[in-house]
Amino acid sequence: MSDGISEDSADVVGVLTERIEARFDMGMDQLKAAFAAAPTANPDATDVVKWHGLLVEAQSVLERAEDDLLAALQTQPSEVDDPTLGLAHRVNAAVTARDGRALVVRWLLAPDAPGKKDLAAERLARLRPRAAPAVQTSAPNRPAGTAAPATAWRSARAAR
């Protein structure tokens, strides 16, 4: 999925934020507000807002990990100790998490991305959360004094 974002791009979040804003023709703040007001109105926007939030979170975790590693390296002699090596592993894990989330956002923004138009994609679309239950989940309202059929009581007991 080549879309102009280099592998070494320092501002992955900024680039993807611009692409999201261009795709939905509104700023991220407006998009988040629209999502908060009607989370099921546009499933594509819902997914993008969710994953963008996860991407921003991963970027901040990465920045904190990098700051911690840099501070530790500035106090190290020529050899790196185990705690500092642990910080380096934390940075690597944070980069992996951020890059994975960035890939998901890029995939969500690409209309012709692999997997979006095949049978599996159609099945996933059917599994999306619905605004309301597909079938009635509560007993119908009965007029006062009307008894429920005996079969309803038996099936209710069996379900418990």
Protein backbone atom coordinates (compact mmCIF):
# COMPACT_ATOMS: atom_id res chain seq x y z
CA MET A 1 0.00 0.00 0.00
CA SER A 2 2.23 2.78 -1.22
CA ASP A 3 0.67 6.12 -0.40
CA GLY A 4 3.56 8.53 0.00
CA ILE A 5 4.32 7.88 3.66
CA SER A 6 7.93 6.89 3.94
CA GLU A 7 8.94 4.17 6.35
CA ASP A 8 11.11 6.67 8.21
CA SER A 9 8.48 9.40 8.46
CA ALA A 10 8.80 11.12 11.81
CA ASP A 11 5.29 12.58 11.66
CA VAL A 12 3.14 9.57 10.80
CA VAL A 13 0.29 10.88 12.94
CA GLY A 14 0.35 14.28 11.25
CA VAL A 15 0.31 12.82 7.74
CA LEU A 16 -2.51 10.42 8.52
CA THR A 17 -4.50 13.12 10.31
CA GLU A 18 -4.30 15.28 7.17
CA ARG A 19 -5.49 12.36 5.05
CA ILE A 20 -8.41 11.69 7.39
CA GLU A 21 -9.42 15.34 7.33
CA ALA A 22 -9.24 15.40 3.52
CA ARG A 23 -11.22 12.15 3.18
CA PHE A 24 -14.09 13.29 5.40
CA ASP A 25 -13.78 16.98 4.49
CA MET A 26 -13.65 18.15 8.12
CA GLY A 27 -11.08 18.63 10.88
CA MET A 28 -10.39 15.90 13.42
CA ASP A 29 -12.13 17.86 16.19
CA GLN A 30 -15.27 18.15 14.05
CA LEU A 31 -15.04 14.49 13.07
CA LYS A 32 -14.67 13.42 16.70
CA ALA A 33 -17.65 15.60 17.68
CA ALA A 34 -19.76 14.12 14.87
CA PHE A 35 -18.70 10.62 15.95
CA ALA A 36 -19.60 11.37 19.58
CA ALA A 37 -23.03 12.70 18.55
CA ALA A 38 -23.87 9.78 16.25
CA PRO A 39 -21.38 6.91 16.56
CA THR A 40 -23.28 4.61 14.20
CA ALA A 41 -24.11 7.14 11.48
CA ASN A 42 -21.02 6.41 9.36
CA PRO A 43 -19.26 3.11 10.15
CA ASP A 44 -16.20 4.08 8.07
CA ALA A 45 -15.75 7.31 10.02
CA THR A 46 -16.36 5.46 13.28
CA ASP A 47 -13.55 3.02 12.54
CA VAL A 48 -11.16 5.76 11.43
CA VAL A 49 -11.84 7.93 14.52
CA LYS A 50 -11.35 4.93 16.81
CA TRP A 51 -8.07 3.85 15.20
CA HIS A 52 -6.80 7.42 14.94
CA GLY A 53 -7.29 7.76 18.69
CA LEU A 54 -5.36 4.54 19.23
CA LEU A 55 -2.63 5.82 16.91
CA VAL A 56 -2.32 9.12 18.81
CA GLU A 57 -2.14 7.17 22.08
CA ALA A 58 0.59 4.89 20.69
CA GLN A 59 2.56 7.91 19.46
CA SER A 60 2.51 9.51 22.91
CA VAL A 61 3.65 6.21 24.50
CA LEU A 62 6.49 6.09 21.96
CA GLU A 63 7.55 9.66 22.70
CA ARG A 64 7.65 8.98 26.45
CA ALA A 65 9.66 5.79 25.89
CA GLU A 66 12.11 7.65 23.65
CA ASP A 67 12.50 10.43 26.23
CA ASP A 68 13.17 7.86 28.98
CA LEU A 69 15.74 6.07 26.83
CA LEU A 70 17.49 9.30 25.88
CA ALA A 71 17.71 10.36 29.53
CA ALA A 72 19.15 6.98 30.49
CA LEU A 73 21.67 7.01 27.64
CA GLN A 74 22.94 10.45 28.64
CA THR A 75 23.92 9.09 32.06
CA GLN A 76 25.51 5.86 30.78
CA PRO A 77 29.20 5.20 30.46
CA SER A 78 30.37 3.55 27.25
CA GLU A 79 28.49 0.28 27.94
CA VAL A 80 24.73 0.10 28.22
CA ASP A 81 23.34 -1.59 31.34
CA ASP A 82 20.36 -3.95 31.48
CA PRO A 83 17.76 -1.36 32.60
CA THR A 84 18.74 0.89 29.69
CA LEU A 85 18.57 -2.04 27.31
CA GLY A 86 15.08 -2.67 28.66
CA LEU A 87 14.18 0.92 27.79
CA ALA A 88 15.45 0.34 24.25
CA HIS A 89 13.20 -2.72 23.97
CA ARG A 90 10.31 -0.60 25.23
CA VAL A 91 10.98 1.92 22.45
CA ASN A 92 11.04 -0.88 19.87
CA ALA A 93 7.73 -2.24 21.14
CA ALA A 94 6.21 1.25 21.08
CA VAL A 95 7.37 1.77 17.49
CA THR A 96 5.82 -1.55 16.50
CA ALA A 97 2.51 -0.65 18.15
CA ARG A 98 2.44 2.80 16.57
CA ASP A 99 3.33 1.47 13.13
CA GLY A 100 0.71 -1.26 13.36
CA ARG A 101 -1.98 1.24 14.22
CA ALA A 102 -0.79 3.52 11.43
CA LEU A 103 -1.13 0.63 8.98
CA VAL A 104 -4.71 0.04 10.13
CA VAL A 105 -5.55 3.73 9.61
CA ARG A 106 -3.93 3.66 6.16
CA TRP A 107 -5.92 0.54 5.29
CA LEU A 108 -9.17 2.12 6.49
CA LEU A 109 -8.50 5.18 4.32
CA ALA A 110 -7.75 3.15 1.16
CA PRO A 111 -11.02 2.34 -0.61
CA ASP A 112 -9.48 -0.35 -2.83
CA ALA A 113 -7.22 -1.93 -0.22
CA PRO A 114 -6.84 -5.71 -0.33
CA GLY A 115 -9.52 -7.43 1.70
CA LYS A 116 -12.11 -4.67 1.42
CA LYS A 117 -14.09 -6.06 -1.50
CA ASP A 118 -13.85 -9.81 -1.15
CA LEU A 119 -16.09 -12.37 0.52
CA ALA A 120 -14.33 -12.03 3.88
CA ALA A 121 -14.92 -8.27 3.87
CA GLU A 122 -18.61 -8.80 3.19
CA ARG A 123 -18.83 -11.23 6.11
CA LEU A 124 -17.07 -8.77 8.41
CA ALA A 125 -19.44 -6.01 7.35
CA ARG A 126 -22.37 -8.18 8.43
CA LEU A 127 -20.77 -8.63 11.86
CA ARG A 128 -20.52 -4.90 12.58
CA PRO A 129 -22.34 -3.84 15.73
CA ARG A 130 -25.93 -2.96 15.01
CA ALA A 131 -27.76 0.11 16.26
CA ALA A 132 -30.47 -2.13 17.70
CA PRO A 133 -30.89 -5.86 18.28
CA ALA A 134 -31.77 -7.85 15.16
CA VAL A 135 -34.58 -9.61 17.01
CA GLN A 136 -36.75 -8.57 19.90
CA THR A 137 -34.94 -9.38 23.15
CA SER A 138 -37.67 -8.67 25.69
CA ALA A 139 -41.15 -10.08 26.18
CA PRO A 140 -43.91 -8.18 24.39
CA ASN A 141 -46.05 -5.94 26.57
CA ARG A 142 -49.23 -7.71 27.66
CA PRO A 143 -52.40 -6.06 28.78
CA ALA A 144 -52.89 -6.16 32.55
CA GLY A 145 -54.43 -9.40 33.75
CA THR A 146 -53.39 -11.43 30.69
CA ALA A 147 -51.34 -14.48 31.55
CA ALA A 148 -48.34 -15.48 29.49
CA PRO A 149 -48.61 -18.82 27.71
CA ALA A 150 -47.18 -21.75 29.66
CA THR A 151 -44.58 -22.40 26.95
CA ALA A 152 -43.12 -18.92 27.53
CA TRP A 153 -42.54 -19.71 31.21
CA ARG A 154 -40.90 -23.04 30.41
CA SER A 155 -38.54 -21.55 27.81
CA ALA A 156 -37.64 -18.70 30.17
CA ARG A 157 -36.71 -21.20 32.89
CA ALA A 158 -34.67 -23.31 30.45
CA ALA A 159 -32.71 -20.25 29.34
CA ARG A 160 -31.57 -19.50 32.87
